[in-house]
Amino acid sequence: MQVQKLSSEAQLRTCRRFLAEDPVANVLPLGDLYAPLLNASEIYLAIENTKIVGVGSIYRAYPIPSIVLGAAEDDAKQALIANTLKEISGDFISLLPLDEASLFRKHSTVLRCHNEFQMITHEPREVKTGDIGVSRVSSKELEALNQFYVNHNAEAWIPIQFKTGPYYCVKREGKIVSAAGVHIVTPQIAHLGNIATDEAFRGQGFATACTAALAKNLSSKGRIISLYVKVDNAPAIHLYEKLGFTKSRDILFLVMRKKADG
């Protein structure tokens, strides 16, 4: 088995087809194969007998790089890990199923971790949101959206994500007080994120209204809607279940440090 870096449009199309066979399990590396995330990602292919048997990516838009792997046999994943870590010099992030937590053990030390659920829906439920006014964030409002997320310590937000897909918000007195958007949009699946409400406005259904508008927009094009949520975030889980999301997989979020000899 050999590992090589993505080098052609033909390989890109093949990788997309390979990962799209299971878009729920492959949501993160699949998303890295589409602009704008592709522009900030390094894509690696595990190849055996001229056939692609695994895909992994390093996403570098965050302060700490993120390594994610597509569904594949363990030997392909181990080969991808060994090669991608050659391009990492210190700390990095990875999200992976619980039963794959040991894959990085040989090469890295875990600094911290927590458990999350992946939740999905094929048809978001309609919910009553009363007279809450929800609007799509325009490009002219990007700086206001960025400031909202900065003020709320949204670790998973970077402005490049605004180019990925729609963001919806609720405003009060012209100021964004709640917002929801996307990390990833592909033809098969959209992955929601950056769902936040100002503390002074919580409990009024604003996050529900924003997320409902967002999910409706994306699902109208036939996509699966996906998101990750911490297992101990009961209010958020309740919100997503109300919108028709169900738990699909257990996910481990890891912050790791590459070993000196890794």
Protein backbone atom coordinates (compact mmCIF):
# COMPACT_ATOMS: atom_id res chain seq x y z
CA MET A 1 0.00 0.00 0.00
CA GLN A 2 1.22 3.48 -0.82
CA VAL A 3 0.05 6.90 0.28
CA GLN A 4 0.19 9.89 -2.01
CA LYS A 5 -1.05 13.44 -1.96
CA LEU A 6 -4.04 14.39 -4.12
CA SER A 7 -2.64 15.60 -7.43
CA SER A 8 -5.35 15.70 -10.10
CA GLU A 9 -8.98 16.50 -10.80
CA ALA A 10 -9.56 12.86 -11.72
CA GLN A 11 -8.32 11.74 -8.30
CA LEU A 12 -10.50 14.38 -6.64
CA ARG A 13 -13.61 13.06 -8.39
CA THR A 14 -12.71 9.49 -7.44
CA CYS A 15 -12.18 10.47 -3.79
CA ARG A 16 -15.56 12.21 -3.71
CA ARG A 17 -17.28 9.10 -5.07
CA PHE A 18 -15.41 6.87 -2.62
CA LEU A 19 -16.40 8.91 0.45
CA ALA A 20 -19.94 9.58 -0.78
CA GLU A 21 -20.70 5.86 -0.44
CA ASP A 22 -21.20 6.60 3.28
CA PRO A 23 -21.61 10.37 3.68
CA VAL A 24 -22.60 10.18 7.35
CA ALA A 25 -19.44 8.32 8.43
CA ASN A 26 -17.31 10.35 6.03
CA VAL A 27 -18.83 13.78 6.55
CA LEU A 28 -15.62 15.55 7.64
CA PRO A 29 -13.15 14.28 5.03
CA LEU A 30 -15.87 14.52 2.37
CA GLY A 31 -16.39 18.17 3.24
CA ASP A 32 -12.67 18.84 2.87
CA LEU A 33 -12.97 17.79 -0.78
CA TYR A 34 -15.22 20.75 -1.64
CA ALA A 35 -14.46 24.45 -1.80
CA PRO A 36 -13.86 26.52 0.23
CA LEU A 37 -12.49 23.90 2.65
CA LEU A 38 -10.52 22.22 -0.12
CA ASN A 39 -8.44 25.39 -0.40
CA ALA A 40 -7.32 24.97 3.23
CA SER A 41 -6.87 21.17 3.17
CA GLU A 42 -4.19 18.68 2.24
CA ILE A 43 -5.74 15.47 0.91
CA TYR A 44 -3.98 12.09 1.10
CA LEU A 45 -4.93 8.86 -0.65
CA ALA A 46 -4.19 5.29 0.42
CA ILE A 47 -3.79 3.28 -2.79
CA GLU A 48 -3.60 -0.47 -3.17
CA ASN A 49 -3.28 -2.10 -6.60
CA THR A 50 -4.09 1.25 -8.26
CA LYS A 51 -7.37 1.49 -6.30
CA ILE A 52 -8.13 4.15 -3.69
CA VAL A 53 -8.86 2.34 -0.41
CA GLY A 54 -8.68 5.24 2.02
CA VAL A 55 -8.78 9.04 2.16
CA GLY A 56 -7.52 11.37 4.88
CA SER A 57 -7.10 15.11 5.16
CA ILE A 58 -5.30 17.78 7.14
CA TYR A 59 -7.46 20.88 7.52
CA ARG A 60 -5.28 23.88 8.31
CA ALA A 61 -7.68 26.81 8.64
CA TYR A 62 -7.89 26.46 12.43
CA PRO A 63 -5.02 27.54 14.71
CA ILE A 64 -4.44 23.82 15.38
CA PRO A 65 -4.53 21.54 12.32
CA SER A 66 -7.22 18.85 12.16
CA ILE A 67 -6.66 15.32 10.80
CA VAL A 68 -9.72 13.32 9.74
CA LEU A 69 -9.99 9.93 8.07
CA GLY A 70 -12.64 8.42 5.85
CA ALA A 71 -14.12 4.99 6.49
CA ALA A 72 -11.54 2.36 5.51
CA GLU A 73 -9.75 -0.72 6.77
CA ASP A 74 -7.40 -0.15 9.70
CA ASP A 75 -4.25 -0.77 7.65
CA ALA A 76 -5.25 2.02 5.25
CA LYS A 77 -5.97 4.34 8.17
CA GLN A 78 -2.64 3.52 9.82
CA ALA A 79 -0.83 4.28 6.58
CA LEU A 80 -2.69 7.59 6.24
CA ILE A 81 -1.94 8.54 9.85
CA ALA A 82 1.76 7.78 9.49
CA ASN A 83 1.98 9.93 6.37
CA THR A 84 -0.17 12.86 7.46
CA LEU A 85 1.73 13.14 10.73
CA LYS A 86 4.91 13.72 8.78
CA GLU A 87 3.36 17.09 7.94
CA ILE A 88 2.47 17.93 11.58
CA SER A 89 5.03 19.38 13.97
CA GLY A 90 3.13 19.69 17.25
CA ASP A 91 -0.47 19.61 18.45
CA PHE A 92 -3.40 18.56 16.29
CA ILE A 93 -7.09 17.67 16.50
CA SER A 94 -8.97 14.62 15.32
CA LEU A 95 -12.58 13.45 15.53
CA LEU A 96 -13.17 9.75 15.11
CA PRO A 97 -15.47 6.91 16.20
CA LEU A 98 -14.88 5.55 19.71
CA ASP A 99 -13.62 2.20 18.45
CA GLU A 100 -10.84 3.95 16.52
CA ALA A 101 -9.43 5.86 19.49
CA SER A 102 -6.30 3.70 19.56
CA LEU A 103 -5.28 4.41 15.96
CA PHE A 104 -3.14 7.42 16.90
CA ARG A 105 -1.64 5.85 20.04
CA LYS A 106 1.64 4.84 18.42
CA HIS A 107 2.29 8.33 17.10
CA SER A 108 0.80 10.77 19.61
CA THR A 109 -0.13 11.62 23.19
CA VAL A 110 -3.67 12.67 24.11
CA LEU A 111 -3.79 16.10 25.75
CA ARG A 112 -7.55 16.27 26.23
CA CYS A 113 -10.70 14.71 24.87
CA HIS A 114 -14.46 14.64 25.18
CA ASN A 115 -17.34 12.59 23.79
CA GLU A 116 -19.87 13.80 21.25
CA PHE A 117 -22.87 12.42 19.38
CA GLN A 118 -23.30 12.72 15.67
CA MET A 119 -26.97 13.42 15.04
CA ILE A 120 -28.67 13.33 11.65
CA THR A 121 -32.01 13.94 10.00
CA HIS A 122 -33.31 13.35 6.50
CA GLU A 123 -36.43 15.47 6.97
CA PRO A 124 -36.25 18.20 9.64
CA ARG A 125 -39.52 18.72 11.50
CA GLU A 126 -41.49 21.91 11.20
CA VAL A 127 -41.54 23.73 14.54
CA LYS A 128 -43.59 26.66 15.70
CA THR A 129 -41.37 29.67 16.32
CA GLY A 130 -44.05 32.27 16.94
CA ASP A 131 -43.18 35.76 15.79
CA ILE A 132 -39.40 35.28 16.01
CA GLY A 133 -37.91 36.95 12.96
CA VAL A 134 -35.16 34.89 11.35
CA SER A 135 -33.09 36.21 8.46
CA ARG A 136 -30.26 34.87 6.35
CA VAL A 137 -26.97 36.60 7.10
CA SER A 138 -25.81 38.62 4.10
CA SER A 139 -22.20 39.09 3.00
CA LYS A 140 -22.43 42.69 4.21
CA GLU A 141 -23.10 41.35 7.73
CA LEU A 142 -20.08 39.03 7.84
CA GLU A 143 -18.10 41.32 10.15
CA ALA A 144 -21.06 41.51 12.56
CA LEU A 145 -21.40 37.72 12.48
CA ASN A 146 -17.68 37.30 13.06
CA GLN A 147 -17.81 39.65 16.04
CA PHE A 148 -20.79 37.75 17.48
CA TYR A 149 -18.87 34.46 17.36
CA VAL A 150 -15.67 36.03 18.71
CA ASN A 151 -17.64 37.46 21.65
CA HIS A 152 -19.10 34.00 22.34
CA ASN A 153 -15.80 32.11 22.08
CA ALA A 154 -17.00 29.96 19.19
CA GLU A 155 -13.94 27.74 18.83
CA ALA A 156 -15.14 26.08 15.62
CA TRP A 157 -15.81 29.35 13.78
CA ILE A 158 -13.58 30.94 11.18
CA PRO A 159 -14.83 33.42 8.56
CA ILE A 160 -13.98 31.06 5.67
CA GLN A 161 -16.98 28.96 6.73
CA PHE A 162 -19.33 31.72 5.63
CA LYS A 163 -18.44 30.76 2.05
CA THR A 164 -19.45 27.14 2.69
CA GLY A 165 -23.19 27.71 2.97
CA PRO A 166 -25.98 29.69 4.60
CA TYR A 167 -26.01 31.28 8.05
CA TYR A 168 -29.23 32.40 9.73
CA CYS A 169 -29.66 34.78 12.63
CA VAL A 170 -32.05 36.56 14.95
CA LYS A 171 -31.45 40.24 15.65
CA ARG A 172 -32.59 42.54 18.37
CA GLU A 173 -32.18 46.28 17.92
CA GLY A 174 -30.14 45.57 14.81
CA LYS A 175 -27.63 43.35 16.63
CA ILE A 176 -27.16 39.59 16.08
CA VAL A 177 -28.14 37.76 19.26
CA SER A 178 -28.46 34.20 17.91
CA ALA A 179 -27.02 32.43 14.88
CA ALA A 180 -26.64 29.03 13.23
CA GLY A 181 -24.62 27.97 10.22
CA VAL A 182 -22.66 25.24 8.51
CA HIS A 183 -19.21 23.70 8.64
CA ILE A 184 -19.65 21.57 5.52
CA VAL A 185 -21.95 21.40 2.52
CA THR A 186 -21.63 18.69 -0.14
CA PRO A 187 -24.19 17.33 -2.62
CA GLN A 188 -24.95 14.45 -0.23
CA ILE A 189 -24.72 15.94 3.27
CA ALA A 190 -24.55 19.23 5.16
CA HIS A 191 -22.93 19.48 8.59
CA LEU A 192 -24.30 22.21 10.85
CA GLY A 193 -22.34 24.13 13.44
CA ASN A 194 -21.69 27.45 15.14
CA ILE A 195 -25.12 27.41 16.78
CA ALA A 196 -25.05 30.00 19.56
CA THR A 197 -27.27 32.47 21.41
CA ASP A 198 -26.29 35.43 23.54
CA GLU A 199 -26.77 34.54 27.20
CA ALA A 200 -29.23 37.39 27.76
CA PHE A 201 -31.56 35.98 25.09
CA ARG A 202 -31.50 32.26 25.84
CA GLY A 203 -34.66 30.31 26.55
CA GLN A 204 -36.73 32.23 23.99
CA GLY A 205 -36.44 29.74 21.12
CA PHE A 206 -34.00 31.79 19.04
CA ALA A 207 -31.52 28.94 18.44
CA THR A 208 -34.40 26.63 17.52
CA ALA A 209 -35.70 29.16 15.00
CA CYS A 210 -32.28 29.71 13.41
CA THR A 211 -31.48 25.99 13.23
CA ALA A 212 -34.93 25.15 11.85
CA ALA A 213 -34.57 27.71 9.05
CA LEU A 214 -31.07 26.46 8.24
CA ALA A 215 -32.00 22.77 8.20
CA LYS A 216 -35.09 23.43 6.06
CA ASN A 217 -33.01 25.33 3.50
CA LEU A 218 -30.40 22.59 3.19
CA SER A 219 -32.73 19.58 3.29
CA SER A 220 -34.87 21.02 0.49
CA LYS A 221 -32.04 20.02 -1.84
CA GLY A 222 -32.23 16.38 -0.69
CA ARG A 223 -29.22 16.37 1.59
CA ILE A 224 -28.79 14.53 4.87
CA ILE A 225 -28.40 17.07 7.68
CA SER A 226 -25.73 16.25 10.27
CA LEU A 227 -24.23 17.85 13.36
CA TYR A 228 -22.02 17.03 16.34
CA VAL A 229 -23.00 17.83 19.92
CA LYS A 230 -21.29 17.14 23.25
CA VAL A 231 -22.97 14.24 25.05
CA ASP A 232 -23.46 16.32 28.21
CA ASN A 233 -25.15 19.24 26.41
CA ALA A 234 -28.70 18.20 27.28
CA PRO A 235 -30.41 21.47 26.20
CA ALA A 236 -28.84 21.31 22.74
CA ILE A 237 -29.67 17.61 22.32
CA HIS A 238 -33.29 18.36 23.28
CA LEU A 239 -33.38 21.18 20.69
CA TYR A 240 -32.06 18.93 17.93
CA GLU A 241 -34.41 16.08 18.80
CA LYS A 242 -37.32 18.52 18.61
CA LEU A 243 -36.19 19.32 15.07
CA GLY A 244 -36.17 15.62 14.13
CA PHE A 245 -32.50 14.76 14.63
CA THR A 246 -31.60 11.30 15.97
CA LYS A 247 -28.32 10.02 17.38
CA SER A 248 -26.30 8.22 14.74
CA ARG A 249 -22.77 7.63 16.11
CA ASP A 250 -20.59 8.18 19.16
CA ILE A 251 -17.65 10.44 18.33
CA LEU A 252 -14.46 11.15 20.24
CA PHE A 253 -12.96 14.62 19.97
CA LEU A 254 -9.22 14.46 20.63
CA VAL A 255 -6.52 17.08 21.00
CA MET A 256 -3.19 15.32 20.60
CA ARG A 257 0.52 16.05 20.47
CA LYS A 258 2.76 14.28 18.04
CA LYS A 259 5.46 12.23 19.73
CA ALA A 260 9.03 13.25 19.03
CA ASP A 261 9.68 9.96 17.28
CA GLY A 262 6.23 9.89 15.62
